[in-house]
Amino acid sequence: MSTHFSVSVHCLLLLSLSAPERMTSAEIAGSVNTNPVVVRRILGGLKKAGLVNSSPGTRGFYLAKPSSEITLDMVYQASKDDGPLFPIHGNCNPNCEVGIQIDGLLTNLYQIAESKVEQFFATITLEDMERTSLQRIEAVGSEAD
């Protein structure tokens, strides 16, 4: 799995915490510590999925719906590439008793695991992540006092 999911959550969390203010891809890239082009590509996928918006002539991105209506599964579906969550290494030795079976053994397990991950992600909203993030920010702030 690529880092698109974690970067997508990062971007959405920034937008959620900055609402109603908009954020530019450069501002988001500064937090993610990546190139704004990467952020724009990721935000483009999130926009296609209906999770973020931007307006011509107005700089910046913003959430397309309340954070309470955005689940991590929605983010996962928008950010995953075409491959499975758990790819199989492939090119196994067909003359090996284990090598000849491994794809079949793991494929079913991996499909079940990915389904469980999606079900779990469907129970967590961006608002939940925002709440946890704010609690952690407050905890760090109180430690500094």
N, C-alpha and C. Protein backbone atom coordinates (compact mmCIF):
# COMPACT_ATOMS: atom_id res chain seq x y z
N MET A 1 0.85 -1.18 0.00
CA MET A 1 0.00 0.00 0.00
C MET A 1 0.89 1.23 0.00
N SER A 2 0.53 2.21 -0.79
CA SER A 2 1.30 3.44 -0.84
C SER A 2 0.93 4.32 0.35
N THR A 3 1.55 5.48 0.42
CA THR A 3 1.27 6.41 1.51
C THR A 3 0.10 7.34 1.18
N HIS A 4 -0.58 7.12 0.06
CA HIS A 4 -1.67 8.01 -0.33
C HIS A 4 -2.76 8.10 0.74
N PHE A 5 -3.07 6.99 1.39
CA PHE A 5 -4.11 7.03 2.41
C PHE A 5 -3.70 7.93 3.57
N SER A 6 -2.51 7.73 4.10
CA SER A 6 -2.10 8.54 5.25
C SER A 6 -1.96 10.01 4.88
N VAL A 7 -1.46 10.29 3.68
CA VAL A 7 -1.36 11.69 3.24
C VAL A 7 -2.76 12.27 3.02
N SER A 8 -3.69 11.47 2.51
CA SER A 8 -5.07 11.92 2.33
C SER A 8 -5.71 12.29 3.66
N VAL A 9 -5.52 11.43 4.66
CA VAL A 9 -6.07 11.71 6.00
C VAL A 9 -5.43 12.98 6.55
N HIS A 10 -4.12 13.12 6.37
CA HIS A 10 -3.39 14.30 6.83
C HIS A 10 -4.00 15.56 6.20
N CYS A 11 -4.18 15.54 4.88
CA CYS A 11 -4.74 16.69 4.17
C CYS A 11 -6.14 17.03 4.67
N LEU A 12 -6.98 16.02 4.80
CA LEU A 12 -8.36 16.24 5.24
C LEU A 12 -8.41 16.76 6.67
N LEU A 13 -7.54 16.25 7.51
CA LEU A 13 -7.50 16.70 8.89
C LEU A 13 -7.08 18.17 8.97
N LEU A 14 -6.10 18.55 8.17
CA LEU A 14 -5.70 19.97 8.10
C LEU A 14 -6.87 20.84 7.66
N LEU A 15 -7.58 20.41 6.62
CA LEU A 15 -8.72 21.18 6.12
C LEU A 15 -9.83 21.26 7.17
N SER A 16 -10.04 20.18 7.87
CA SER A 16 -11.07 20.14 8.91
C SER A 16 -10.72 21.10 10.05
N LEU A 17 -9.48 21.05 10.48
CA LEU A 17 -9.06 21.90 11.60
C LEU A 17 -8.98 23.37 11.22
N SER A 18 -8.79 23.67 9.95
CA SER A 18 -8.68 25.07 9.51
C SER A 18 -10.02 25.65 9.08
N ALA A 19 -11.05 24.82 8.99
CA ALA A 19 -12.37 25.28 8.52
C ALA A 19 -12.87 26.43 9.39
N PRO A 20 -13.50 27.43 8.82
CA PRO A 20 -13.94 27.53 7.44
C PRO A 20 -12.89 28.11 6.48
N GLU A 21 -11.70 28.37 6.99
CA GLU A 21 -10.65 28.91 6.13
C GLU A 21 -10.22 27.85 5.12
N ARG A 22 -9.81 28.30 3.96
CA ARG A 22 -9.29 27.42 2.92
C ARG A 22 -7.78 27.30 3.08
N MET A 23 -7.25 26.23 2.53
CA MET A 23 -5.80 26.03 2.56
C MET A 23 -5.32 25.76 1.13
N THR A 24 -4.17 26.32 0.80
CA THR A 24 -3.58 26.07 -0.51
C THR A 24 -2.81 24.76 -0.47
N SER A 25 -2.54 24.23 -1.64
CA SER A 25 -1.75 23.00 -1.71
C SER A 25 -0.35 23.24 -1.16
N ALA A 26 0.18 24.45 -1.31
CA ALA A 26 1.51 24.76 -0.76
C ALA A 26 1.50 24.73 0.76
N GLU A 27 0.43 25.26 1.37
CA GLU A 27 0.32 25.24 2.84
C GLU A 27 0.21 23.80 3.34
N ILE A 28 -0.61 23.02 2.67
CA ILE A 28 -0.78 21.62 3.06
C ILE A 28 0.52 20.86 2.86
N ALA A 29 1.20 21.11 1.74
CA ALA A 29 2.47 20.44 1.45
C ALA A 29 3.51 20.74 2.52
N GLY A 30 3.46 21.95 3.08
CA GLY A 30 4.39 22.31 4.15
C GLY A 30 4.20 21.43 5.37
N SER A 31 2.96 21.10 5.69
CA SER A 31 2.69 20.23 6.83
C SER A 31 3.03 18.77 6.52
N VAL A 32 2.69 18.34 5.31
CA VAL A 32 2.95 16.96 4.91
C VAL A 32 4.43 16.73 4.63
N ASN A 33 5.13 17.83 4.37
CA ASN A 33 6.55 17.81 4.02
C ASN A 33 6.78 17.09 2.69
N THR A 34 6.02 17.55 1.71
CA THR A 34 6.15 17.02 0.36
C THR A 34 5.95 18.15 -0.64
N ASN A 35 6.02 17.83 -1.90
CA ASN A 35 5.85 18.80 -2.96
C ASN A 35 4.36 19.13 -3.15
N PRO A 36 4.02 20.40 -3.38
CA PRO A 36 2.62 20.77 -3.62
C PRO A 36 1.97 20.00 -4.78
N VAL A 37 2.77 19.58 -5.75
CA VAL A 37 2.23 18.81 -6.88
C VAL A 37 1.66 17.48 -6.37
N VAL A 38 2.35 16.85 -5.44
CA VAL A 38 1.88 15.59 -4.85
C VAL A 38 0.56 15.84 -4.12
N VAL A 39 0.51 16.92 -3.36
CA VAL A 39 -0.71 17.26 -2.61
C VAL A 39 -1.86 17.54 -3.57
N ARG A 40 -1.60 18.28 -4.65
CA ARG A 40 -2.67 18.57 -5.62
C ARG A 40 -3.19 17.29 -6.26
N ARG A 41 -2.30 16.35 -6.53
CA ARG A 41 -2.72 15.07 -7.12
C ARG A 41 -3.63 14.32 -6.14
N ILE A 42 -3.25 14.28 -4.90
CA ILE A 42 -4.04 13.59 -3.88
C ILE A 42 -5.37 14.31 -3.66
N LEU A 43 -5.33 15.63 -3.57
CA LEU A 43 -6.56 16.40 -3.40
C LEU A 43 -7.48 16.26 -4.61
N GLY A 44 -6.89 16.08 -5.79
CA GLY A 44 -7.69 15.84 -6.98
C GLY A 44 -8.50 14.57 -6.86
N GLY A 45 -7.89 13.51 -6.32
CA GLY A 45 -8.61 12.25 -6.09
C GLY A 45 -9.69 12.41 -5.03
N LEU A 46 -9.40 13.20 -4.00
CA LEU A 46 -10.39 13.44 -2.95
C LEU A 46 -11.53 14.31 -3.47
N LYS A 47 -11.20 15.21 -4.38
CA LYS A 47 -12.24 16.04 -4.99
C LYS A 47 -13.15 15.19 -5.88
N LYS A 48 -12.54 14.30 -6.65
CA LYS A 48 -13.32 13.40 -7.51
C LYS A 48 -14.27 12.53 -6.68
N ALA A 49 -13.84 12.18 -5.47
CA ALA A 49 -14.66 11.36 -4.57
C ALA A 49 -15.69 12.20 -3.81
N GLY A 50 -15.69 13.52 -4.01
CA GLY A 50 -16.65 14.39 -3.35
C GLY A 50 -16.32 14.74 -1.91
N LEU A 51 -15.05 14.61 -1.54
CA LEU A 51 -14.65 14.89 -0.16
C LEU A 51 -14.11 16.30 0.03
N VAL A 52 -13.51 16.88 -1.01
CA VAL A 52 -13.01 18.25 -0.95
C VAL A 52 -13.49 19.02 -2.17
N ASN A 53 -13.41 20.34 -2.05
CA ASN A 53 -13.75 21.23 -3.16
C ASN A 53 -12.72 22.34 -3.25
N SER A 54 -12.69 22.98 -4.37
CA SER A 54 -11.95 24.22 -4.58
C SER A 54 -12.73 25.00 -5.61
N SER A 55 -12.56 26.30 -5.59
CA SER A 55 -13.31 27.14 -6.52
C SER A 55 -12.35 27.91 -7.42
N PRO A 56 -12.67 28.00 -8.70
CA PRO A 56 -11.84 28.81 -9.59
C PRO A 56 -11.84 30.26 -9.11
N GLY A 57 -10.67 30.85 -9.13
CA GLY A 57 -10.54 32.24 -8.71
C GLY A 57 -10.39 32.43 -7.22
N THR A 58 -10.70 31.42 -6.45
CA THR A 58 -10.53 31.48 -5.00
C THR A 58 -9.50 30.45 -4.61
N ARG A 59 -8.44 30.94 -3.99
CA ARG A 59 -7.35 30.03 -3.67
C ARG A 59 -7.72 29.10 -2.53
N GLY A 60 -7.33 27.87 -2.68
CA GLY A 60 -7.41 26.95 -1.58
C GLY A 60 -8.50 25.90 -1.68
N PHE A 61 -8.32 24.89 -0.87
CA PHE A 61 -9.23 23.75 -0.80
C PHE A 61 -10.00 23.81 0.50
N TYR A 62 -11.13 23.14 0.51
CA TYR A 62 -11.96 23.05 1.71
C TYR A 62 -12.76 21.75 1.65
N LEU A 63 -13.27 21.32 2.81
CA LEU A 63 -14.05 20.09 2.86
C LEU A 63 -15.37 20.28 2.11
N ALA A 64 -15.78 19.27 1.37
CA ALA A 64 -17.01 19.32 0.61
C ALA A 64 -18.22 18.96 1.46
N LYS A 65 -17.98 18.36 2.61
CA LYS A 65 -19.06 17.98 3.52
C LYS A 65 -18.53 18.03 4.93
N PRO A 66 -19.40 18.04 5.92
CA PRO A 66 -18.94 18.07 7.31
C PRO A 66 -18.04 16.88 7.65
N SER A 67 -17.10 17.11 8.54
CA SER A 67 -16.18 16.04 8.92
C SER A 67 -16.90 14.85 9.54
N SER A 68 -18.08 15.08 10.09
CA SER A 68 -18.86 13.99 10.69
C SER A 68 -19.43 13.05 9.62
N GLU A 69 -19.43 13.48 8.36
CA GLU A 69 -19.97 12.67 7.26
C GLU A 69 -18.88 12.01 6.42
N ILE A 70 -17.64 12.23 6.77
CA ILE A 70 -16.53 11.64 6.02
C ILE A 70 -15.93 10.51 6.86
N THR A 71 -16.02 9.29 6.35
CA THR A 71 -15.44 8.15 7.07
C THR A 71 -14.06 7.82 6.50
N LEU A 72 -13.27 7.14 7.30
CA LEU A 72 -11.95 6.72 6.82
C LEU A 72 -12.08 5.74 5.67
N ASP A 73 -13.17 5.00 5.61
CA ASP A 73 -13.37 4.11 4.47
C ASP A 73 -13.55 4.91 3.18
N MET A 74 -14.26 6.03 3.26
CA MET A 74 -14.42 6.89 2.09
C MET A 74 -13.05 7.40 1.62
N VAL A 75 -12.22 7.77 2.58
CA VAL A 75 -10.87 8.25 2.26
C VAL A 75 -10.04 7.12 1.67
N TYR A 76 -10.15 5.95 2.28
CA TYR A 76 -9.42 4.78 1.78
C TYR A 76 -9.82 4.46 0.34
N GLN A 77 -11.12 4.42 0.08
CA GLN A 77 -11.59 4.11 -1.27
C GLN A 77 -11.11 5.15 -2.28
N ALA A 78 -11.07 6.42 -1.87
CA ALA A 78 -10.65 7.49 -2.77
C ALA A 78 -9.14 7.51 -2.99
N SER A 79 -8.40 6.98 -2.04
CA SER A 79 -6.94 7.12 -2.12
C SER A 79 -6.20 5.85 -2.50
N LYS A 80 -6.89 4.71 -2.50
CA LYS A 80 -6.17 3.47 -2.80
C LYS A 80 -5.89 3.37 -4.30
N ASP A 81 -4.79 2.75 -4.60
CA ASP A 81 -4.49 2.51 -6.01
C ASP A 81 -5.24 1.25 -6.45
N ASP A 82 -5.05 0.84 -7.66
CA ASP A 82 -5.82 -0.28 -8.20
C ASP A 82 -5.46 -1.62 -7.59
N GLY A 83 -4.34 -1.71 -6.93
CA GLY A 83 -3.89 -2.98 -6.38
C GLY A 83 -4.54 -3.29 -5.05
N PRO A 84 -4.38 -4.52 -4.59
CA PRO A 84 -4.94 -4.92 -3.30
C PRO A 84 -4.16 -4.30 -2.15
N LEU A 85 -4.78 -4.25 -0.98
CA LEU A 85 -4.12 -3.73 0.22
C LEU A 85 -2.89 -4.57 0.56
N PHE A 86 -3.01 -5.88 0.42
CA PHE A 86 -1.92 -6.81 0.72
C PHE A 86 -1.53 -7.54 -0.56
N PRO A 87 -0.59 -7.03 -1.31
CA PRO A 87 -0.20 -7.72 -2.54
C PRO A 87 0.60 -8.99 -2.24
N ILE A 88 0.48 -9.94 -3.12
CA ILE A 88 1.22 -11.20 -3.00
C ILE A 88 2.49 -11.07 -3.84
N HIS A 89 3.58 -11.59 -3.33
CA HIS A 89 4.88 -11.39 -3.97
C HIS A 89 5.00 -12.00 -5.36
N GLY A 90 4.22 -13.01 -5.69
CA GLY A 90 4.19 -13.57 -7.04
C GLY A 90 5.49 -14.21 -7.48
N ASN A 91 5.50 -14.74 -8.70
CA ASN A 91 6.68 -15.39 -9.29
C ASN A 91 7.28 -16.46 -8.40
N CYS A 92 6.43 -17.23 -7.73
CA CYS A 92 6.92 -18.31 -6.87
C CYS A 92 7.37 -19.48 -7.72
N ASN A 93 8.22 -20.28 -7.16
CA ASN A 93 8.73 -21.46 -7.83
C ASN A 93 7.60 -22.48 -7.98
N PRO A 94 7.18 -22.79 -9.21
CA PRO A 94 6.08 -23.75 -9.42
C PRO A 94 6.47 -25.18 -9.07
N ASN A 95 7.76 -25.42 -8.86
CA ASN A 95 8.22 -26.76 -8.48
C ASN A 95 8.31 -26.93 -6.96
N CYS A 96 7.94 -25.91 -6.23
CA CYS A 96 7.98 -25.96 -4.76
C CYS A 96 6.57 -26.23 -4.24
N GLU A 97 6.44 -27.13 -3.27
CA GLU A 97 5.13 -27.46 -2.71
C GLU A 97 4.45 -26.24 -2.09
N VAL A 98 5.21 -25.39 -1.46
CA VAL A 98 4.64 -24.18 -0.85
C VAL A 98 4.44 -23.11 -1.91
N GLY A 99 5.43 -22.93 -2.77
CA GLY A 99 5.36 -21.91 -3.82
C GLY A 99 4.15 -22.07 -4.72
N ILE A 100 3.78 -23.29 -5.01
CA ILE A 100 2.65 -23.54 -5.91
C ILE A 100 1.31 -23.22 -5.24
N GLN A 101 1.27 -23.19 -3.91
CA GLN A 101 0.03 -22.99 -3.17
C GLN A 101 -0.12 -21.60 -2.55
N ILE A 102 0.97 -20.88 -2.41
CA ILE A 102 0.95 -19.68 -1.58
C ILE A 102 -0.05 -18.63 -2.07
N ASP A 103 -0.14 -18.43 -3.38
CA ASP A 103 -1.10 -17.44 -3.90
C ASP A 103 -2.53 -17.76 -3.46
N GLY A 104 -2.92 -19.01 -3.62
CA GLY A 104 -4.27 -19.42 -3.24
C GLY A 104 -4.51 -19.33 -1.74
N LEU A 105 -3.49 -19.67 -0.95
CA LEU A 105 -3.62 -19.60 0.51
C LEU A 105 -3.78 -18.16 0.98
N LEU A 106 -2.95 -17.28 0.45
CA LEU A 106 -2.95 -15.90 0.92
C LEU A 106 -4.07 -15.05 0.32
N THR A 107 -4.47 -15.30 -0.91
CA THR A 107 -5.48 -14.47 -1.56
C THR A 107 -6.75 -14.39 -0.73
N ASN A 108 -7.27 -15.51 -0.30
CA ASN A 108 -8.50 -15.51 0.49
C ASN A 108 -8.30 -14.79 1.82
N LEU A 109 -7.20 -15.06 2.50
CA LEU A 109 -6.91 -14.40 3.78
C LEU A 109 -6.82 -12.88 3.59
N TYR A 110 -6.12 -12.47 2.57
CA TYR A 110 -5.93 -11.04 2.31
C TYR A 110 -7.24 -10.36 1.95
N GLN A 111 -8.10 -11.02 1.21
CA GLN A 111 -9.41 -10.45 0.87
C GLN A 111 -10.25 -10.25 2.13
N ILE A 112 -10.22 -11.22 3.02
CA ILE A 112 -10.95 -11.11 4.28
C ILE A 112 -10.38 -9.98 5.12
N ALA A 113 -9.06 -9.91 5.20
CA ALA A 113 -8.41 -8.86 5.99
C ALA A 113 -8.75 -7.47 5.45
N GLU A 114 -8.71 -7.31 4.13
CA GLU A 114 -9.03 -6.01 3.55
C GLU A 114 -10.49 -5.64 3.82
N SER A 115 -11.37 -6.60 3.75
CA SER A 115 -12.78 -6.35 4.05
C SER A 115 -12.95 -5.90 5.50
N LYS A 116 -12.24 -6.52 6.42
CA LYS A 116 -12.30 -6.14 7.84
C LYS A 116 -11.76 -4.73 8.05
N VAL A 117 -10.68 -4.40 7.35
CA VAL A 117 -10.12 -3.05 7.44
C VAL A 117 -11.15 -2.03 6.96
N GLU A 118 -11.78 -2.30 5.82
CA GLU A 118 -12.79 -1.39 5.28
C GLU A 118 -13.96 -1.23 6.24
N GLN A 119 -14.41 -2.34 6.84
CA GLN A 119 -15.52 -2.27 7.80
C GLN A 119 -15.12 -1.42 9.01
N PHE A 120 -13.90 -1.60 9.50
CA PHE A 120 -13.41 -0.83 10.64
C PHE A 120 -13.31 0.65 10.28
N PHE A 121 -12.73 0.95 9.11
CA PHE A 121 -12.59 2.34 8.68
C PHE A 121 -13.95 3.01 8.52
N ALA A 122 -14.98 2.27 8.18
CA ALA A 122 -16.32 2.84 8.02
C ALA A 122 -16.90 3.32 9.34
N THR A 123 -16.33 2.88 10.46
CA THR A 123 -16.83 3.28 11.78
C THR A 123 -16.14 4.52 12.33
N ILE A 124 -15.13 5.01 11.63
CA ILE A 124 -14.35 6.15 12.11
C ILE A 124 -14.54 7.33 11.16
N THR A 125 -14.94 8.47 11.72
CA THR A 125 -15.14 9.66 10.91
C THR A 125 -13.94 10.59 11.02
N LEU A 126 -13.87 11.51 10.08
CA LEU A 126 -12.85 12.55 10.15
C LEU A 126 -13.05 13.37 11.42
N GLU A 127 -14.28 13.55 11.83
CA GLU A 127 -14.56 14.27 13.08
C GLU A 127 -13.94 13.54 14.27
N ASP A 128 -14.00 12.20 14.28
CA ASP A 128 -13.35 11.42 15.34
C ASP A 128 -11.84 11.68 15.35
N MET A 129 -11.26 11.69 14.15
CA MET A 129 -9.82 11.94 14.03
C MET A 129 -9.47 13.36 14.49
N GLU A 130 -10.33 14.30 14.15
CA GLU A 130 -10.14 15.69 14.56
C GLU A 130 -10.16 15.80 16.08
N ARG A 131 -11.13 15.16 16.70
CA ARG A 131 -11.26 15.18 18.16
C ARG A 131 -10.00 14.61 18.82
N THR A 132 -9.55 13.47 18.32
CA THR A 132 -8.35 12.84 18.88
C THR A 132 -7.12 13.73 18.67
N SER A 133 -7.03 14.33 17.50
CA SER A 133 -5.91 15.22 17.20
C SER A 133 -5.89 16.41 18.16
N LEU A 134 -7.05 17.01 18.38
CA LEU A 134 -7.13 18.17 19.28
C LEU A 134 -6.77 17.77 20.72
N GLN A 135 -7.18 16.58 21.13
CA GLN A 135 -6.82 16.10 22.47
C GLN A 135 -5.31 15.95 22.59
N ARG A 136 -4.68 15.44 21.54
CA ARG A 136 -3.23 15.26 21.57
C ARG A 136 -2.51 16.60 21.55
N ILE A 137 -3.04 17.54 20.79
CA ILE A 137 -2.46 18.89 20.74
C ILE A 137 -2.54 19.53 22.12
N GLU A 138 -3.70 19.41 22.76
CA GLU A 138 -3.87 19.95 24.11
C GLU A 138 -2.95 19.28 25.12
N ALA A 139 -2.78 17.97 25.01
CA ALA A 139 -1.90 17.24 25.93
C ALA A 139 -0.46 17.70 25.79
N VAL A 140 -0.02 17.91 24.55
CA VAL A 140 1.35 18.40 24.32
C VAL A 140 1.49 19.80 24.88
N GLY A 141 0.46 20.62 24.68
CA GLY A 141 0.48 22.00 25.20
C GLY A 141 0.55 22.05 26.70
N SER A 142 -0.17 21.15 27.38
CA SER A 142 -0.17 21.13 28.84
C SER A 142 1.15 20.59 29.40
N GLU A 143 1.82 19.72 28.61
CA GLU A 143 3.14 19.23 29.03
C GLU A 143 4.17 20.34 28.96
N ALA A 144 4.00 21.28 28.04
CA ALA A 144 4.94 22.37 27.87
C ALA A 144 4.80 23.41 28.98
N ASP A 145 3.64 23.42 29.63
CA ASP A 145 3.40 24.43 30.70
C ASP A 145 4.13 24.10 31.92
